[in-house]
Amino acid sequence: LTETGELAVERLAEGLEMLEGVGCDKEWIHEILRDQFNGRSFLDRSDFYDFVNMYRNQRFTFMRKIFSEVDQDHSQSVSLQEVVQLLGRRGITPVLSCVERIFREVTGESGLRDLTFEEFVKIYDVVQARAGFSEYDLVRLKKVWSRYDRDGNQLLS
């Protein structure tokens, strides 16, 4: 923030990620700034609130579109198989057991069932943030990495 309480637009991505808890689309940020804020360099509090609402609306529309594409049977829910197919189309080679763990992580249930739109959004965010790994898988990967990264320099040699 500046002394006058304005936020520099180059910090918007950072602010959004802190606020939303997920990564953000920098292209959307630039589009909204260009189309709605005339390419300004700073936003005041009111403009920032407006910006966040515009970004959320754009994200919601995007997620609804993806959900509709994935929901091939138009059941208003998505199955494990439909999510696996989406991952494949997005260039992620899905490991079924890993996707099952992410389903369980998101739903908090031990069994597998179809996901609502809100749960689908959570799955999508997990896949984006963790490259398709469940929390369990990340813990295991970190253990393996630390076992071989003996000097702690984040490089295997």
C-alpha atoms as a PDB file:
ATOM      1  CA  LEU A   1       0.000   0.000   0.000  1.00  0.00           C
ATOM      2  CA  THR A   2       1.079   3.546  -0.663  1.00  0.00           C
ATOM      3  CA  GLU A   3       1.010   6.309   1.952  1.00  0.00           C
ATOM      4  CA  THR A   4      -2.438   7.291   0.661  1.00  0.00           C
ATOM      5  CA  GLY A   5      -3.759   3.753   1.138  1.00  0.00           C
ATOM      6  CA  GLU A   6      -3.759   2.792  -2.522  1.00  0.00           C
ATOM      7  CA  LEU A   7      -2.622  -0.573  -3.826  1.00  0.00           C
ATOM      8  CA  ALA A   8      -0.170  -0.699  -6.726  1.00  0.00           C
ATOM      9  CA  VAL A   9      -1.616  -2.833  -9.510  1.00  0.00           C
ATOM     10  CA  GLU A  10       1.618  -4.810  -9.796  1.00  0.00           C
ATOM     11  CA  ARG A  11       0.787  -6.169  -6.315  1.00  0.00           C
ATOM     12  CA  LEU A  12      -2.766  -7.249  -7.235  1.00  0.00           C
ATOM     13  CA  ALA A  13      -1.807 -10.861  -7.973  1.00  0.00           C
ATOM     14  CA  GLU A  14      -0.138 -11.136  -4.575  1.00  0.00           C
ATOM     15  CA  GLY A  15      -3.143  -9.543  -2.866  1.00  0.00           C
ATOM     16  CA  LEU A  16      -5.600 -11.821  -4.644  1.00  0.00           C
ATOM     17  CA  GLU A  17      -3.617 -14.932  -3.781  1.00  0.00           C
ATOM     18  CA  MET A  18      -3.526 -13.902  -0.121  1.00  0.00           C
ATOM     19  CA  LEU A  19      -7.245 -13.135  -0.142  1.00  0.00           C
ATOM     20  CA  GLU A  20      -8.448 -16.158  -2.106  1.00  0.00           C
ATOM     21  CA  GLY A  21      -5.902 -18.721  -0.934  1.00  0.00           C
ATOM     22  CA  VAL A  22      -5.345 -19.956  -4.497  1.00  0.00           C
ATOM     23  CA  GLY A  23      -3.293 -18.880  -7.460  1.00  0.00           C
ATOM     24  CA  CYS A  24      -4.728 -16.253  -9.747  1.00  0.00           C
ATOM     25  CA  ASP A  25      -4.846 -15.701 -13.471  1.00  0.00           C
ATOM     26  CA  LYS A  26      -2.604 -12.758 -14.320  1.00  0.00           C
ATOM     27  CA  GLU A  27      -4.164 -12.438 -17.765  1.00  0.00           C
ATOM     28  CA  TRP A  28      -7.581 -11.867 -16.155  1.00  0.00           C
ATOM     29  CA  ILE A  29      -6.027  -9.239 -13.898  1.00  0.00           C
ATOM     30  CA  HIS A  30      -4.657  -7.358 -16.907  1.00  0.00           C
ATOM     31  CA  GLU A  31      -7.963  -7.645 -18.794  1.00  0.00           C
ATOM     32  CA  ILE A  32      -9.993  -6.279 -15.878  1.00  0.00           C
ATOM     33  CA  LEU A  33      -7.531  -3.439 -15.307  1.00  0.00           C
ATOM     34  CA  ARG A  34      -7.542  -2.542 -18.989  1.00  0.00           C
ATOM     35  CA  ASP A  35     -11.298  -2.818 -19.501  1.00  0.00           C
ATOM     36  CA  GLN A  36     -12.622  -1.491 -16.188  1.00  0.00           C
ATOM     37  CA  PHE A  37      -9.906   0.706 -14.708  1.00  0.00           C
ATOM     38  CA  ASN A  38      -8.369   2.273 -17.825  1.00  0.00           C
ATOM     39  CA  GLY A  39      -4.962   0.758 -17.119  1.00  0.00           C
ATOM     40  CA  ARG A  40      -4.465   2.690 -13.871  1.00  0.00           C
ATOM     41  CA  SER A  41      -1.352   2.084 -11.772  1.00  0.00           C
ATOM     42  CA  PHE A  42      -3.040   2.218  -8.347  1.00  0.00           C
ATOM     43  CA  LEU A  43      -6.425   1.254  -6.903  1.00  0.00           C
ATOM     44  CA  ASP A  44      -7.992   2.759  -3.800  1.00  0.00           C
ATOM     45  CA  ARG A  45      -9.907   0.578  -1.333  1.00  0.00           C
ATOM     46  CA  SER A  46     -13.255   0.934  -3.099  1.00  0.00           C
ATOM     47  CA  ASP A  47     -11.717   0.170  -6.485  1.00  0.00           C
ATOM     48  CA  PHE A  48      -9.903  -2.823  -5.010  1.00  0.00           C
ATOM     49  CA  TYR A  49     -13.204  -4.216  -3.678  1.00  0.00           C
ATOM     50  CA  ASP A  50     -14.767  -3.682  -7.099  1.00  0.00           C
ATOM     51  CA  PHE A  51     -11.772  -5.336  -8.748  1.00  0.00           C
ATOM     52  CA  VAL A  52     -11.991  -8.381  -6.448  1.00  0.00           C
ATOM     53  CA  ASN A  53     -15.705  -8.777  -7.200  1.00  0.00           C
ATOM     54  CA  MET A  54     -15.052  -8.549 -10.941  1.00  0.00           C
ATOM     55  CA  TYR A  55     -12.257 -11.107 -10.671  1.00  0.00           C
ATOM     56  CA  ARG A  56     -14.444 -13.470  -8.632  1.00  0.00           C
ATOM     57  CA  ASN A  57     -17.273 -13.144 -11.152  1.00  0.00           C
ATOM     58  CA  GLN A  58     -14.905 -13.932 -14.004  1.00  0.00           C
ATOM     59  CA  ARG A  59     -13.522 -16.932 -12.121  1.00  0.00           C
ATOM     60  CA  PHE A  60     -17.030 -18.170 -11.271  1.00  0.00           C
ATOM     61  CA  THR A  61     -18.053 -17.944 -14.947  1.00  0.00           C
ATOM     62  CA  PHE A  62     -14.878 -19.779 -15.973  1.00  0.00           C
ATOM     63  CA  MET A  63     -15.403 -22.527 -13.385  1.00  0.00           C
ATOM     64  CA  ARG A  64     -19.073 -22.955 -14.396  1.00  0.00           C
ATOM     65  CA  LYS A  65     -17.955 -23.380 -18.008  1.00  0.00           C
ATOM     66  CA  ILE A  66     -15.360 -26.000 -17.060  1.00  0.00           C
ATOM     67  CA  PHE A  67     -17.879 -27.777 -14.806  1.00  0.00           C
ATOM     68  CA  SER A  68     -20.438 -27.896 -17.635  1.00  0.00           C
ATOM     69  CA  GLU A  69     -17.837 -29.317 -20.007  1.00  0.00           C
ATOM     70  CA  VAL A  70     -16.830 -31.976 -17.478  1.00  0.00           C
ATOM     71  CA  ASP A  71     -20.412 -32.863 -16.482  1.00  0.00           C
ATOM     72  CA  GLN A  72     -20.932 -34.905 -19.627  1.00  0.00           C
ATOM     73  CA  ASP A  73     -24.148 -36.550 -18.425  1.00  0.00           C
ATOM     74  CA  HIS A  74     -25.641 -33.186 -17.293  1.00  0.00           C
ATOM     75  CA  SER A  75     -26.301 -34.524 -13.798  1.00  0.00           C
ATOM     76  CA  GLN A  76     -25.190 -31.264 -12.095  1.00  0.00           C
ATOM     77  CA  SER A  77     -22.412 -33.276 -10.461  1.00  0.00           C
ATOM     78  CA  VAL A  78     -19.128 -34.736 -11.677  1.00  0.00           C
ATOM     79  CA  SER A  79     -17.808 -38.222 -11.202  1.00  0.00           C
ATOM     80  CA  LEU A  80     -14.291 -39.409 -10.529  1.00  0.00           C
ATOM     81  CA  GLN A  81     -14.047 -40.573 -14.140  1.00  0.00           C
ATOM     82  CA  GLU A  82     -15.145 -37.185 -15.479  1.00  0.00           C
ATOM     83  CA  VAL A  83     -12.448 -35.447 -13.394  1.00  0.00           C
ATOM     84  CA  VAL A  84      -9.813 -37.943 -14.563  1.00  0.00           C
ATOM     85  CA  GLN A  85     -10.762 -37.165 -18.177  1.00  0.00           C
ATOM     86  CA  LEU A  86     -10.486 -33.416 -17.496  1.00  0.00           C
ATOM     87  CA  LEU A  87      -7.007 -33.858 -16.032  1.00  0.00           C
ATOM     88  CA  GLY A  88      -5.932 -35.787 -19.113  1.00  0.00           C
ATOM     89  CA  ARG A  89      -7.227 -32.996 -21.370  1.00  0.00           C
ATOM     90  CA  ARG A  90      -5.299 -30.468 -19.247  1.00  0.00           C
ATOM     91  CA  GLY A  91      -2.048 -32.356 -19.815  1.00  0.00           C
ATOM     92  CA  ILE A  92      -1.923 -33.986 -16.380  1.00  0.00           C
ATOM     93  CA  THR A  93      -1.449 -37.736 -16.400  1.00  0.00           C
ATOM     94  CA  PRO A  94      -3.775 -38.694 -13.579  1.00  0.00           C
ATOM     95  CA  VAL A  95      -2.918 -41.462 -11.166  1.00  0.00           C
ATOM     96  CA  LEU A  96      -6.295 -42.867 -10.155  1.00  0.00           C
ATOM     97  CA  SER A  97      -5.343 -43.515  -6.523  1.00  0.00           C
ATOM     98  CA  CYS A  98      -4.070 -39.941  -6.202  1.00  0.00           C
ATOM     99  CA  VAL A  99      -7.280 -38.486  -7.658  1.00  0.00           C
ATOM    100  CA  GLU A 100      -9.281 -40.692  -5.284  1.00  0.00           C
ATOM    101  CA  ARG A 101      -7.285 -39.297  -2.334  1.00  0.00           C
ATOM    102  CA  ILE A 102      -7.969 -35.733  -3.511  1.00  0.00           C
ATOM    103  CA  PHE A 103     -11.701 -36.564  -3.725  1.00  0.00           C
ATOM    104  CA  ARG A 104     -11.620 -37.860  -0.143  1.00  0.00           C
ATOM    105  CA  GLU A 105      -9.586 -34.870   1.012  1.00  0.00           C
ATOM    106  CA  VAL A 106     -12.078 -32.399  -0.481  1.00  0.00           C
ATOM    107  CA  THR A 107     -15.268 -34.175   0.604  1.00  0.00           C
ATOM    108  CA  GLY A 108     -13.990 -35.314   3.994  1.00  0.00           C
ATOM    109  CA  GLU A 109     -15.589 -38.697   3.328  1.00  0.00           C
ATOM    110  CA  SER A 110     -13.967 -42.119   3.130  1.00  0.00           C
ATOM    111  CA  GLY A 111     -16.067 -43.246   0.172  1.00  0.00           C
ATOM    112  CA  LEU A 112     -16.173 -41.853  -3.331  1.00  0.00           C
ATOM    113  CA  ARG A 113     -19.184 -40.064  -4.755  1.00  0.00           C
ATOM    114  CA  ASP A 114     -19.959 -37.482  -7.394  1.00  0.00           C
ATOM    115  CA  LEU A 115     -18.979 -33.893  -6.601  1.00  0.00           C
ATOM    116  CA  THR A 116     -21.109 -30.772  -6.446  1.00  0.00           C
ATOM    117  CA  PHE A 117     -19.999 -27.632  -8.267  1.00  0.00           C
ATOM    118  CA  GLU A 118     -18.469 -26.211  -5.059  1.00  0.00           C
ATOM    119  CA  GLU A 119     -16.510 -29.422  -4.421  1.00  0.00           C
ATOM    120  CA  PHE A 120     -15.393 -29.487  -8.049  1.00  0.00           C
ATOM    121  CA  VAL A 121     -13.971 -25.972  -7.636  1.00  0.00           C
ATOM    122  CA  LYS A 122     -12.021 -27.171  -4.575  1.00  0.00           C
ATOM    123  CA  ILE A 123     -10.671 -30.153  -6.529  1.00  0.00           C
ATOM    124  CA  TYR A 124      -9.678 -27.865  -9.389  1.00  0.00           C
ATOM    125  CA  ASP A 125      -7.855 -25.548  -6.974  1.00  0.00           C
ATOM    126  CA  VAL A 126      -6.028 -28.464  -5.322  1.00  0.00           C
ATOM    127  CA  VAL A 127      -4.923 -29.800  -8.696  1.00  0.00           C
ATOM    128  CA  GLN A 128      -3.728 -26.349  -9.788  1.00  0.00           C
ATOM    129  CA  ALA A 129      -1.899 -25.608  -6.531  1.00  0.00           C
ATOM    130  CA  ARG A 130      -0.314 -29.031  -6.066  1.00  0.00           C
ATOM    131  CA  ALA A 131       0.181 -30.237  -9.639  1.00  0.00           C
ATOM    132  CA  GLY A 132      -2.428 -32.941  -9.063  1.00  0.00           C
ATOM    133  CA  PHE A 133      -1.015 -34.352  -5.833  1.00  0.00           C
ATOM    134  CA  SER A 134      -3.039 -34.969  -2.686  1.00  0.00           C
ATOM    135  CA  GLU A 135      -1.799 -33.677   0.671  1.00  0.00           C
ATOM    136  CA  TYR A 136      -0.797 -37.245   1.548  1.00  0.00           C
ATOM    137  CA  ASP A 137       1.228 -37.572  -1.661  1.00  0.00           C
ATOM    138  CA  LEU A 138       2.988 -34.249  -1.047  1.00  0.00           C
ATOM    139  CA  VAL A 139       4.062 -35.347   2.425  1.00  0.00           C
ATOM    140  CA  ARG A 140       5.476 -38.560   0.962  1.00  0.00           C
ATOM    141  CA  LEU A 141       7.273 -36.691  -1.834  1.00  0.00           C
ATOM    142  CA  LYS A 142       8.830 -34.281   0.666  1.00  0.00           C
ATOM    143  CA  LYS A 143      10.078 -37.202   2.776  1.00  0.00           C
ATOM    144  CA  VAL A 144      11.659 -38.867  -0.237  1.00  0.00           C
ATOM    145  CA  TRP A 145      13.208 -35.585  -1.365  1.00  0.00           C
ATOM    146  CA  SER A 146      14.656 -34.789   2.054  1.00  0.00           C
ATOM    147  CA  ARG A 147      16.129 -38.269   2.266  1.00  0.00           C
ATOM    148  CA  TYR A 148      18.245 -37.633  -0.830  1.00  0.00           C
ATOM    149  CA  ASP A 149      18.840 -33.894  -0.386  1.00  0.00           C
ATOM    150  CA  ARG A 150      21.409 -34.480   2.325  1.00  0.00           C
ATOM    151  CA  ASP A 151      22.910 -30.990   2.361  1.00  0.00           C
ATOM    152  CA  GLY A 152      19.512 -29.246   2.295  1.00  0.00           C
ATOM    153  CA  ASN A 153      20.281 -27.138  -0.782  1.00  0.00           C
ATOM    154  CA  GLN A 154      17.094 -28.262  -2.605  1.00  0.00           C
ATOM    155  CA  LEU A 155      19.217 -30.013  -5.235  1.00  0.00           C
ATOM    156  CA  LEU A 156      19.826 -33.706  -5.668  1.00  0.00           C
ATOM    157  CA  SER A 157      23.426 -34.455  -6.424  1.00  0.00           C
END
